[in-house]
Amino acid sequence: MKPLSGRQFCRLLERNGWSLLRVHGSHHVYGKPGHRARISVPVHGNAALKQGLQRRLMKLAGIDPGDGDSG
């Protein structure tokens, strides 16, 4: 799994049907119709997300880790 920045992860979420609900400071909060989960993505410039956080967010979003390599 390639490390993604917060911005890249946001684009990945949007390609998978998630929409931006609000921005609170440096955290972008995403939601998707039919899902109760809200996903908060820290966007700190081009800094890569930590591996464990990225894995957890992908699991919450229902995204296969192999999908993160494109983009």
PDB file of N, CA and C in Angstrom:
ATOM      1  N   MET A   1       0.861  -1.184   0.000  1.00  0.00           N
ATOM      2  CA  MET A   1       0.000   0.000   0.000  1.00  0.00           C
ATOM      3  C   MET A   1       0.896   1.232   0.000  1.00  0.00           C
ATOM      4  N   LYS A   2       0.709   2.070  -0.996  1.00  0.00           N
ATOM      5  CA  LYS A   2       1.491   3.286  -1.140  1.00  0.00           C
ATOM      6  C   LYS A   2       0.970   4.350  -0.172  1.00  0.00           C
ATOM      7  N   PRO A   3       1.873   5.038   0.549  1.00  0.00           N
ATOM      8  CA  PRO A   3       1.393   6.110   1.444  1.00  0.00           C
ATOM      9  C   PRO A   3       0.790   7.261   0.629  1.00  0.00           C
ATOM     10  N   LEU A   4      -0.348   7.751   1.090  1.00  0.00           N
ATOM     11  CA  LEU A   4      -1.040   8.848   0.417  1.00  0.00           C
ATOM     12  C   LEU A   4      -1.052  10.067   1.327  1.00  0.00           C
ATOM     13  N   SER A   5      -1.050  11.240   0.726  1.00  0.00           N
ATOM     14  CA  SER A   5      -1.232  12.450   1.518  1.00  0.00           C
ATOM     15  C   SER A   5      -2.727  12.596   1.823  1.00  0.00           C
ATOM     16  N   GLY A   6      -3.057  13.497   2.714  1.00  0.00           N
ATOM     17  CA  GLY A   6      -4.461  13.738   3.031  1.00  0.00           C
ATOM     18  C   GLY A   6      -5.245  14.176   1.810  1.00  0.00           C
ATOM     19  N   ARG A   7      -4.639  15.030   0.982  1.00  0.00           N
ATOM     20  CA  ARG A   7      -5.309  15.498  -0.244  1.00  0.00           C
ATOM     21  C   ARG A   7      -5.569  14.350  -1.206  1.00  0.00           C
ATOM     22  N   GLN A   8      -4.570  13.483  -1.374  1.00  0.00           N
ATOM     23  CA  GLN A   8      -4.740  12.342  -2.274  1.00  0.00           C
ATOM     24  C   GLN A   8      -5.822  11.403  -1.754  1.00  0.00           C
ATOM     25  N   PHE A   9      -5.858  11.219  -0.426  1.00  0.00           N
ATOM     26  CA  PHE A   9      -6.869  10.340   0.152  1.00  0.00           C
ATOM     27  C   PHE A   9      -8.261  10.931  -0.033  1.00  0.00           C
ATOM     28  N   CYS A  10      -8.381  12.250   0.066  1.00  0.00           N
ATOM     29  CA  CYS A  10      -9.677  12.900  -0.168  1.00  0.00           C
ATOM     30  C   CYS A  10     -10.149  12.656  -1.592  1.00  0.00           C
ATOM     31  N   ARG A  11      -9.246  12.756  -2.557  1.00  0.00           N
ATOM     32  CA  ARG A  11      -9.620  12.491  -3.960  1.00  0.00           C
ATOM     33  C   ARG A  11     -10.054  11.039  -4.132  1.00  0.00           C
ATOM     34  N   LEU A  12      -9.368  10.113  -3.450  1.00  0.00           N
ATOM     35  CA  LEU A  12      -9.733   8.704  -3.516  1.00  0.00           C
ATOM     36  C   LEU A  12     -11.141   8.491  -2.957  1.00  0.00           C
ATOM     37  N   LEU A  13     -11.455   9.148  -1.831  1.00  0.00           N
ATOM     38  CA  LEU A  13     -12.795   9.037  -1.256  1.00  0.00           C
ATOM     39  C   LEU A  13     -13.848   9.556  -2.229  1.00  0.00           C
ATOM     40  N   GLU A  14     -13.578  10.709  -2.841  1.00  0.00           N
ATOM     41  CA  GLU A  14     -14.549  11.310  -3.753  1.00  0.00           C
ATOM     42  C   GLU A  14     -14.780  10.429  -4.978  1.00  0.00           C
ATOM     43  N   ARG A  15     -13.742   9.759  -5.463  1.00  0.00           N
ATOM     44  CA  ARG A  15     -13.901   8.837  -6.588  1.00  0.00           C
ATOM     45  C   ARG A  15     -14.743   7.627  -6.207  1.00  0.00           C
ATOM     46  N   ASN A  16     -14.829   7.338  -4.910  1.00  0.00           N
ATOM     47  CA  ASN A  16     -15.590   6.180  -4.445  1.00  0.00           C
ATOM     48  C   ASN A  16     -16.952   6.579  -3.870  1.00  0.00           C
ATOM     49  N   GLY A  17     -17.448   7.770  -4.219  1.00  0.00           N
ATOM     50  CA  GLY A  17     -18.804   8.160  -3.865  1.00  0.00           C
ATOM     51  C   GLY A  17     -18.973   8.915  -2.565  1.00  0.00           C
ATOM     52  N   TRP A  18     -17.894   9.221  -1.857  1.00  0.00           N
ATOM     53  CA  TRP A  18     -17.979   9.983  -0.613  1.00  0.00           C
ATOM     54  C   TRP A  18     -18.009  11.464  -0.955  1.00  0.00           C
ATOM     55  N   SER A  19     -18.727  12.250  -0.158  1.00  0.00           N
ATOM     56  CA  SER A  19     -18.799  13.687  -0.420  1.00  0.00           C
ATOM     57  C   SER A  19     -18.376  14.462   0.824  1.00  0.00           C
ATOM     58  N   LEU A  20     -17.761  15.608   0.580  1.00  0.00           N
ATOM     59  CA  LEU A  20     -17.280  16.468   1.651  1.00  0.00           C
ATOM     60  C   LEU A  20     -18.471  17.101   2.355  1.00  0.00           C
ATOM     61  N   LEU A  21     -18.573  16.886   3.670  1.00  0.00           N
ATOM     62  CA  LEU A  21     -19.672  17.456   4.443  1.00  0.00           C
ATOM     63  C   LEU A  21     -19.275  18.789   5.070  1.00  0.00           C
ATOM     64  N   ARG A  22     -18.065  18.833   5.620  1.00  0.00           N
ATOM     65  CA  ARG A  22     -17.597  20.060   6.261  1.00  0.00           C
ATOM     66  C   ARG A  22     -16.090  19.992   6.446  1.00  0.00           C
ATOM     67  N   VAL A  23     -15.511  21.147   6.736  1.00  0.00           N
ATOM     68  CA  VAL A  23     -14.087  21.236   7.056  1.00  0.00           C
ATOM     69  C   VAL A  23     -13.991  21.885   8.424  1.00  0.00           C
ATOM     70  N   HIS A  24     -13.293  21.230   9.326  1.00  0.00           N
ATOM     71  CA  HIS A  24     -13.099  21.763  10.674  1.00  0.00           C
ATOM     72  C   HIS A  24     -11.597  21.856  10.908  1.00  0.00           C
ATOM     73  N   GLY A  25     -11.061  23.054  10.747  1.00  0.00           N
ATOM     74  CA  GLY A  25      -9.616  23.215  10.851  1.00  0.00           C
ATOM     75  C   GLY A  25      -8.945  22.519   9.681  1.00  0.00           C
ATOM     76  N   SER A  26      -8.030  21.604   9.990  1.00  0.00           N
ATOM     77  CA  SER A  26      -7.328  20.891   8.924  1.00  0.00           C
ATOM     78  C   SER A  26      -7.936  19.527   8.649  1.00  0.00           C
ATOM     79  N   HIS A  27      -9.099  19.242   9.234  1.00  0.00           N
ATOM     80  CA  HIS A  27      -9.739  17.943   9.039  1.00  0.00           C
ATOM     81  C   HIS A  27     -10.945  18.076   8.113  1.00  0.00           C
ATOM     82  N   HIS A  28     -10.950  17.270   7.074  1.00  0.00           N
ATOM     83  CA  HIS A  28     -12.051  17.242   6.118  1.00  0.00           C
ATOM     84  C   HIS A  28     -12.929  16.055   6.479  1.00  0.00           C
ATOM     85  N   VAL A  29     -14.215  16.329   6.695  1.00  0.00           N
ATOM     86  CA  VAL A  29     -15.154  15.287   7.127  1.00  0.00           C
ATOM     87  C   VAL A  29     -16.016  14.866   5.945  1.00  0.00           C
ATOM     88  N   TYR A  30     -15.995  13.573   5.656  1.00  0.00           N
ATOM     89  CA  TYR A  30     -16.717  13.009   4.517  1.00  0.00           C
ATOM     90  C   TYR A  30     -17.838  12.098   4.979  1.00  0.00           C
ATOM     91  N   GLY A  31     -18.894  12.040   4.186  1.00  0.00           N
ATOM     92  CA  GLY A  31     -20.015  11.147   4.432  1.00  0.00           C
ATOM     93  C   GLY A  31     -20.479  10.555   3.117  1.00  0.00           C
ATOM     94  N   LYS A  32     -21.265   9.489   3.238  1.00  0.00           N
ATOM     95  CA  LYS A  32     -21.790   8.824   2.044  1.00  0.00           C
ATOM     96  C   LYS A  32     -23.200   8.368   2.341  1.00  0.00           C
ATOM     97  N   PRO A  33     -24.140   8.625   1.436  1.00  0.00           N
ATOM     98  CA  PRO A  33     -25.509   8.158   1.649  1.00  0.00           C
ATOM     99  C   PRO A  33     -25.528   6.650   1.855  1.00  0.00           C
ATOM    100  N   GLY A  34     -26.276   6.225   2.864  1.00  0.00           N
ATOM    101  CA  GLY A  34     -26.374   4.803   3.159  1.00  0.00           C
ATOM    102  C   GLY A  34     -25.340   4.307   4.151  1.00  0.00           C
ATOM    103  N   HIS A  35     -24.388   5.165   4.531  1.00  0.00           N
ATOM    104  CA  HIS A  35     -23.365   4.802   5.515  1.00  0.00           C
ATOM    105  C   HIS A  35     -23.515   5.701   6.734  1.00  0.00           C
ATOM    106  N   ARG A  36     -23.491   5.102   7.900  1.00  0.00           N
ATOM    107  CA  ARG A  36     -23.569   5.894   9.124  1.00  0.00           C
ATOM    108  C   ARG A  36     -22.221   6.503   9.470  1.00  0.00           C
ATOM    109  N   ALA A  37     -21.143   5.916   8.957  1.00  0.00           N
ATOM    110  CA  ALA A  37     -19.796   6.361   9.303  1.00  0.00           C
ATOM    111  C   ALA A  37     -19.498   7.737   8.715  1.00  0.00           C
ATOM    112  N   ARG A  38     -18.746   8.511   9.459  1.00  0.00           N
ATOM    113  CA  ARG A  38     -18.191   9.764   8.979  1.00  0.00           C
ATOM    114  C   ARG A  38     -16.685   9.576   9.004  1.00  0.00           C
ATOM    115  N   ILE A  39     -16.026  10.028   7.980  1.00  0.00           N
ATOM    116  CA  ILE A  39     -14.588   9.849   7.884  1.00  0.00           C
ATOM    117  C   ILE A  39     -13.927  11.217   7.958  1.00  0.00           C
ATOM    118  N   SER A  40     -13.044  11.381   8.939  1.00  0.00           N
ATOM    119  CA  SER A  40     -12.329  12.625   9.137  1.00  0.00           C
ATOM    120  C   SER A  40     -10.888  12.436   8.668  1.00  0.00           C
ATOM    121  N   VAL A  41     -10.516  13.175   7.627  1.00  0.00           N
ATOM    122  CA  VAL A  41      -9.190  13.037   7.024  1.00  0.00           C
ATOM    123  C   VAL A  41      -8.349  14.259   7.378  1.00  0.00           C
ATOM    124  N   PRO A  42      -7.213  14.061   8.056  1.00  0.00           N
ATOM    125  CA  PRO A  42      -6.331  15.201   8.335  1.00  0.00           C
ATOM    126  C   PRO A  42      -5.584  15.608   7.069  1.00  0.00           C
ATOM    127  N   VAL A  43      -5.707  16.877   6.686  1.00  0.00           N
ATOM    128  CA  VAL A  43      -5.023  17.382   5.498  1.00  0.00           C
ATOM    129  C   VAL A  43      -3.993  18.403   5.975  1.00  0.00           C
ATOM    130  N   HIS A  44      -2.739  17.973   5.994  1.00  0.00           N
ATOM    131  CA  HIS A  44      -1.633  18.823   6.436  1.00  0.00           C
ATOM    132  C   HIS A  44      -0.659  18.966   5.277  1.00  0.00           C
ATOM    133  N   GLY A  45      -0.997  19.850   4.346  1.00  0.00           N
ATOM    134  CA  GLY A  45      -0.149  20.051   3.179  1.00  0.00           C
ATOM    135  C   GLY A  45      -0.027  18.759   2.390  1.00  0.00           C
ATOM    136  N   ASN A  46       1.200  18.395   2.056  1.00  0.00           N
ATOM    137  CA  ASN A  46       1.445  17.158   1.308  1.00  0.00           C
ATOM    138  C   ASN A  46       2.020  16.070   2.195  1.00  0.00           C
ATOM    139  N   ALA A  47       1.850  16.194   3.503  1.00  0.00           N
ATOM    140  CA  ALA A  47       2.362  15.178   4.424  1.00  0.00           C
ATOM    141  C   ALA A  47       1.571  13.881   4.261  1.00  0.00           C
ATOM    142  N   ALA A  48       2.296  12.774   4.234  1.00  0.00           N
ATOM    143  CA  ALA A  48       1.659  11.466   4.071  1.00  0.00           C
ATOM    144  C   ALA A  48       0.926  11.078   5.346  1.00  0.00           C
ATOM    145  N   LEU A  49      -0.187  10.381   5.175  1.00  0.00           N
ATOM    146  CA  LEU A  49      -0.905   9.836   6.325  1.00  0.00           C
ATOM    147  C   LEU A  49      -0.078   8.708   6.916  1.00  0.00           C
ATOM    148  N   LYS A  50      -0.168   8.536   8.223  1.00  0.00           N
ATOM    149  CA  LYS A  50       0.514   7.410   8.856  1.00  0.00           C
ATOM    150  C   LYS A  50      -0.138   6.125   8.359  1.00  0.00           C
ATOM    151  N   GLN A  51       0.654   5.070   8.262  1.00  0.00           N
ATOM    152  CA  GLN A  51       0.196   3.827   7.658  1.00  0.00           C
ATOM    153  C   GLN A  51      -1.025   3.241   8.372  1.00  0.00           C
ATOM    154  N   GLY A  52      -1.021   3.236   9.700  1.00  0.00           N
ATOM    155  CA  GLY A  52      -2.145   2.676  10.445  1.00  0.00           C
ATOM    156  C   GLY A  52      -3.416   3.486  10.253  1.00  0.00           C
ATOM    157  N   LEU A  53      -3.289   4.808  10.242  1.00  0.00           N
ATOM    158  CA  LEU A  53      -4.450   5.675  10.032  1.00  0.00           C
ATOM    159  C   LEU A  53      -5.014   5.468   8.631  1.00  0.00           C
ATOM    160  N   GLN A  54      -4.132   5.405   7.643  1.00  0.00           N
ATOM    161  CA  GLN A  54      -4.585   5.209   6.271  1.00  0.00           C
ATOM    162  C   GLN A  54      -5.316   3.879   6.135  1.00  0.00           C
ATOM    163  N   ARG A  55      -4.780   2.841   6.743  1.00  0.00           N
ATOM    164  CA  ARG A  55      -5.419   1.521   6.676  1.00  0.00           C
ATOM    165  C   ARG A  55      -6.794   1.559   7.334  1.00  0.00           C
ATOM    166  N   ARG A  56      -6.905   2.228   8.478  1.00  0.00           N
ATOM    167  CA  ARG A  56      -8.177   2.320   9.208  1.00  0.00           C
ATOM    168  C   ARG A  56      -9.220   3.106   8.403  1.00  0.00           C
ATOM    169  N   LEU A  57      -8.802   4.226   7.820  1.00  0.00           N
ATOM    170  CA  LEU A  57      -9.729   5.035   7.029  1.00  0.00           C
ATOM    171  C   LEU A  57     -10.212   4.270   5.799  1.00  0.00           C
ATOM    172  N   MET A  58      -9.317   3.511   5.172  1.00  0.00           N
ATOM    173  CA  MET A  58      -9.712   2.722   4.003  1.00  0.00           C
ATOM    174  C   MET A  58     -10.707   1.640   4.400  1.00  0.00           C
ATOM    175  N   LYS A  59     -10.504   1.047   5.556  1.00  0.00           N
ATOM    176  CA  LYS A  59     -11.426   0.010   6.027  1.00  0.00           C
ATOM    177  C   LYS A  59     -12.799   0.622   6.305  1.00  0.00           C
ATOM    178  N   LEU A  60     -12.827   1.791   6.959  1.00  0.00           N
ATOM    179  CA  LEU A  60     -14.098   2.469   7.222  1.00  0.00           C
ATOM    180  C   LEU A  60     -14.831   2.824   5.929  1.00  0.00           C
ATOM    181  N   ALA A  61     -14.068   3.243   4.924  1.00  0.00           N
ATOM    182  CA  ALA A  61     -14.663   3.673   3.658  1.00  0.00           C
ATOM    183  C   ALA A  61     -15.030   2.499   2.761  1.00  0.00           C
ATOM    184  N   GLY A  62     -14.565   1.298   3.108  1.00  0.00           N
ATOM    185  CA  GLY A  62     -14.853   0.134   2.278  1.00  0.00           C
ATOM    186  C   GLY A  62     -14.036   0.124   0.985  1.00  0.00           C
ATOM    187  N   ILE A  63     -12.823   0.676   1.064  1.00  0.00           N
ATOM    188  CA  ILE A  63     -11.945   0.744  -0.102  1.00  0.00           C
ATOM    189  C   ILE A  63     -10.863  -0.318   0.030  1.00  0.00           C
ATOM    190  N   ASP A  64     -10.636  -1.049  -1.063  1.00  0.00           N
ATOM    191  CA  ASP A  64      -9.580  -2.052  -1.089  1.00  0.00           C
ATOM    192  C   ASP A  64      -8.230  -1.350  -1.066  1.00  0.00           C
ATOM    193  N   PRO A  65      -7.283  -1.778  -0.209  1.00  0.00           N
ATOM    194  CA  PRO A  65      -5.965  -1.120  -0.145  1.00  0.00           C
ATOM    195  C   PRO A  65      -5.240  -1.037  -1.489  1.00  0.00           C
ATOM    196  N   GLY A  66      -5.516  -1.922  -2.403  1.00  0.00           N
ATOM    197  CA  GLY A  66      -4.906  -1.865  -3.729  1.00  0.00           C
ATOM    198  C   GLY A  66      -5.388  -0.671  -4.539  1.00  0.00           C
ATOM    199  N   ASP A  67      -6.569  -0.126  -4.216  1.00  0.00           N
ATOM    200  CA  ASP A  67      -7.115   1.025  -4.934  1.00  0.00           C
ATOM    201  C   ASP A  67      -6.327   2.297  -4.667  1.00  0.00           C
ATOM    202  N   GLY A  68      -5.625   2.357  -3.547  1.00  0.00           N
ATOM    203  CA  GLY A  68      -4.882   3.566  -3.195  1.00  0.00           C
ATOM    204  C   GLY A  68      -3.663   3.793  -4.041  1.00  0.00           C
ATOM    205  N   ASP A  69      -3.215   2.765  -4.788  1.00  0.00           N
ATOM    206  CA  ASP A  69      -2.015   2.908  -5.596  1.00  0.00           C
ATOM    207  C   ASP A  69      -2.226   3.768  -6.826  1.00  0.00           C
ATOM    208  N   SER A  70      -3.467   3.854  -7.278  1.00  0.00           N
ATOM    209  CA  SER A  70      -3.731   4.673  -8.466  1.00  0.00           C
ATOM    210  C   SER A  70      -4.070   6.081  -8.047  1.00  0.00           C
ATOM    211  N   GLY A  71      -3.407   7.067  -8.655  1.00  0.00           N
ATOM    212  CA  GLY A  71      -3.804   8.411  -8.349  1.00  0.00           C
ATOM    213  C   GLY A  71      -2.665   9.240  -8.054  1.00  0.00           C
TER     214      GLY A  71
END
